[in-house]
């Protein structure tokens, strides 16, 4: 007669007498983490943007930029982290941050060239870098897409005039005249 402590474990009764090897358990854990990261990356990116916003509002742009960068890495096709990064970097006067702003904005504009907020931030960064012609290219694109926006057309007009682009300046000047004139 056998006692209950002598009973064969259920796992052994089905032919699985050995525990799962460590390498296999590690592989299962890694695959699970990667699948979770892919499936939940939007939520994770959103959390990183929120954390970056907290640091930006607290007056700590460098920490905010770190969180925005992580969110961009997680979800490069989502415009919000790229826009927040570009905006925060454009407000700083560091040449390295201006260059980072342009890189991030340019990378996102390759995905969605119609994003006006990111294009505006890139124009600001380019202007801070002293690249007036490149800033004008972005401002011109924005103004062409907004024929009834007097502020944007005025900015494009002033840049065109400053760069000596008389044809463009005349075009934007006509847009600034009242329709009845």
Protein backbone atom coordinates (compact mmCIF):
# COMPACT_ATOMS: atom_id res chain seq x y z
CA UNK A 1 0.00 0.00 0.00
CA UNK A 2 1.25 3.43 -0.93
CA UNK A 3 0.80 6.58 1.05
CA UNK A 4 -0.41 9.77 -0.61
CA UNK A 5 3.13 11.14 -0.48
CA UNK A 6 4.27 8.27 -2.70
CA UNK A 7 1.87 9.19 -5.49
CA UNK A 8 3.37 9.91 -8.90
CA UNK A 9 3.20 13.62 -9.74
CA UNK A 10 0.79 14.49 -12.53
CA UNK A 11 3.55 15.86 -14.74
CA UNK A 12 5.43 12.56 -14.50
CA UNK A 13 2.31 10.58 -15.32
CA UNK A 14 2.18 12.28 -18.75
CA UNK A 15 5.79 11.57 -19.59
CA UNK A 16 7.32 14.95 -18.70
CA UNK A 17 9.89 13.88 -16.17
CA UNK A 18 12.30 16.80 -16.67
CA UNK A 19 11.79 20.47 -15.89
CA UNK A 20 11.92 22.97 -18.76
CA UNK A 21 15.55 23.90 -19.41
CA UNK A 22 16.65 27.38 -18.37
CA UNK A 23 17.50 28.41 -21.93
CA UNK A 24 14.01 27.50 -23.12
CA UNK A 25 12.36 29.35 -20.21
CA UNK A 26 14.50 32.39 -20.98
CA UNK A 27 13.56 32.23 -24.68
CA UNK A 28 9.85 31.99 -23.78
CA UNK A 29 10.18 35.00 -21.45
CA UNK A 30 11.99 37.07 -24.09
CA UNK A 31 9.47 36.22 -26.80
CA UNK A 32 6.63 37.04 -24.39
CA UNK A 33 8.20 40.40 -23.54
CA UNK A 34 8.74 41.25 -27.21
CA UNK A 35 5.18 40.30 -28.15
CA UNK A 36 3.91 42.38 -25.21
CA UNK A 37 6.05 45.33 -26.28
CA UNK A 38 4.71 45.17 -29.84
CA UNK A 39 1.10 44.83 -28.73
CA UNK A 40 1.31 47.47 -26.01
CA UNK A 41 3.78 49.88 -27.61
CA UNK A 42 1.09 52.52 -28.16
CA UNK A 43 0.21 52.58 -24.50
CA UNK A 44 3.85 52.57 -23.48
CA UNK A 45 4.61 55.43 -25.88
CA UNK A 46 1.63 57.36 -24.54
CA UNK A 47 2.88 56.91 -20.99
CA UNK A 48 6.34 58.13 -21.98
CA UNK A 49 4.86 61.23 -23.64
CA UNK A 50 2.82 61.96 -20.50
CA UNK A 51 5.94 61.62 -18.37
CA UNK A 52 7.82 63.93 -20.75
CA UNK A 53 4.99 66.47 -20.51
CA UNK A 54 5.28 66.36 -16.72
CA UNK A 55 9.00 67.18 -16.91
CA UNK A 56 8.44 69.90 -19.51
CA UNK A 57 5.80 71.57 -17.34
CA UNK A 58 8.12 71.28 -14.34
CA UNK A 59 10.78 73.24 -16.26
CA UNK A 60 13.08 70.32 -17.04
CA UNK A 61 13.24 70.13 -20.87
CA UNK A 62 16.29 67.79 -20.99
CA UNK A 63 14.41 65.10 -19.03
CA UNK A 64 11.29 65.69 -21.14
CA UNK A 65 13.32 65.20 -24.32
CA UNK A 66 14.60 61.87 -22.97
CA UNK A 67 11.05 60.59 -22.52
CA UNK A 68 9.93 61.93 -25.89
CA UNK A 69 12.92 60.20 -27.53
CA UNK A 70 11.94 56.89 -25.96
CA UNK A 71 8.36 57.31 -27.15
CA UNK A 72 9.60 58.03 -30.69
CA UNK A 73 11.72 54.88 -30.56
CA UNK A 74 8.70 52.83 -29.47
CA UNK A 75 6.26 54.28 -32.00
CA UNK A 76 7.95 56.31 -34.76
CA UNK A 77 4.71 56.53 -36.77
CA UNK A 78 2.83 58.39 -34.03
CA UNK A 79 3.16 62.15 -34.53
CA UNK A 80 2.72 63.27 -30.91
CA UNK A 81 6.15 62.35 -29.50
CA UNK A 82 7.92 63.78 -32.55
CA UNK A 83 5.93 67.01 -32.29
CA UNK A 84 6.55 67.32 -28.55
CA UNK A 85 10.26 66.62 -29.00
CA UNK A 86 10.54 69.15 -31.83
CA UNK A 87 8.61 71.78 -29.91
CA UNK A 88 10.64 71.34 -26.71
CA UNK A 89 13.95 71.30 -28.60
CA UNK A 90 12.97 74.37 -30.64
CA UNK A 91 12.52 76.35 -27.43
CA UNK A 92 16.09 75.65 -26.34
CA UNK A 93 19.02 77.58 -27.78
CA UNK A 94 21.47 74.68 -27.76
CA UNK A 95 22.94 73.97 -31.22
CA UNK A 96 22.91 70.24 -30.45
CA UNK A 97 19.21 70.36 -29.58
CA UNK A 98 18.42 72.43 -32.68
CA UNK A 99 20.14 69.78 -34.80
CA UNK A 100 18.26 67.02 -32.93
CA UNK A 101 15.01 68.90 -33.51
CA UNK A 102 15.69 69.02 -37.24
CA UNK A 103 16.60 65.30 -37.36
CA UNK A 104 13.45 64.23 -35.48
CA UNK A 105 11.17 66.52 -37.47
CA UNK A 106 12.71 65.49 -40.79
CA UNK A 107 12.37 61.80 -39.91
CA UNK A 108 8.69 62.22 -39.08
CA UNK A 109 8.00 64.41 -42.13
CA UNK A 110 9.34 61.54 -44.25
CA UNK A 111 6.41 59.53 -42.85
CA UNK A 112 3.79 62.29 -43.04
CA UNK A 113 4.90 65.36 -45.01
CA UNK A 114 1.54 67.08 -44.34
CA UNK A 115 2.07 67.44 -40.58
CA UNK A 116 2.01 71.22 -40.18
CA UNK A 117 2.90 71.32 -36.46
CA UNK A 118 6.11 69.37 -36.97
CA UNK A 119 6.96 71.36 -40.12
CA UNK A 120 6.50 74.59 -38.13
CA UNK A 121 8.79 73.33 -35.35
CA UNK A 122 11.41 72.33 -37.91
CA UNK A 123 11.23 75.81 -39.46
CA UNK A 124 11.84 77.34 -36.02
CA UNK A 125 14.82 75.04 -35.41
CA UNK A 126 16.26 75.78 -38.82
CA UNK A 127 15.87 79.50 -38.19
CA UNK A 128 17.65 79.17 -34.81
CA UNK A 129 20.45 77.30 -36.59
CA UNK A 130 20.80 80.23 -38.97
CA UNK A 131 19.56 78.21 -41.95
CA UNK A 132 17.11 80.84 -43.19
CA UNK A 133 16.68 79.30 -46.65
CA UNK A 134 15.67 75.92 -45.20
CA UNK A 135 13.37 77.62 -42.68
CA UNK A 136 11.77 79.52 -45.56
CA UNK A 137 11.24 76.27 -47.49
CA UNK A 138 9.15 74.94 -44.59
CA UNK A 139 7.32 78.24 -44.09
CA UNK A 140 6.59 78.48 -47.81
CA UNK A 141 5.12 74.97 -47.79
CA UNK A 142 2.96 75.86 -44.79
CA UNK A 143 1.78 79.14 -46.32
CA UNK A 144 0.96 77.52 -49.66
CA UNK A 145 -1.26 75.10 -47.76
CA UNK A 146 -3.01 77.92 -45.88
CA UNK A 147 -4.00 80.58 -48.42
CA UNK A 148 -6.31 82.40 -45.98
CA UNK A 149 -3.90 82.51 -43.02
CA UNK A 150 -2.63 86.12 -42.95
CA UNK A 151 0.01 85.49 -40.26
CA UNK A 152 1.57 82.55 -42.07
CA UNK A 153 1.47 84.32 -45.43
CA UNK A 154 2.99 87.43 -43.85
CA UNK A 155 5.84 85.37 -42.38
CA UNK A 156 6.44 83.68 -45.75
CA UNK A 157 6.35 87.11 -47.45
CA UNK A 158 8.95 88.53 -45.05
CA UNK A 159 11.27 85.54 -45.46
CA UNK A 160 10.95 85.63 -49.26
CA UNK A 161 11.73 89.34 -49.29
CA UNK A 162 14.69 88.88 -46.94
CA UNK A 163 16.08 86.09 -49.15
CA UNK A 164 15.60 88.18 -52.31
CA UNK A 165 12.95 85.89 -53.80
CA UNK A 166 10.94 88.63 -55.43
CA UNK A 167 8.49 86.37 -57.28
CA UNK A 168 7.58 84.54 -54.07
CA UNK A 169 7.39 87.82 -52.14
CA UNK A 170 4.99 89.26 -54.72
CA UNK A 171 2.87 86.09 -54.60
CA UNK A 172 2.53 86.22 -50.80
CA UNK A 173 1.96 89.99 -50.89
CA UNK A 174 -1.03 89.43 -53.20
CA UNK A 175 -2.43 86.95 -50.70
CA UNK A 176 -2.19 89.57 -47.98
CA UNK A 177 -4.30 92.14 -49.86
CA UNK A 178 -7.98 92.22 -49.05
CA UNK A 179 -10.16 90.46 -51.64
CA UNK A 180 -12.09 93.67 -52.47
CA UNK A 181 -9.00 95.80 -53.12
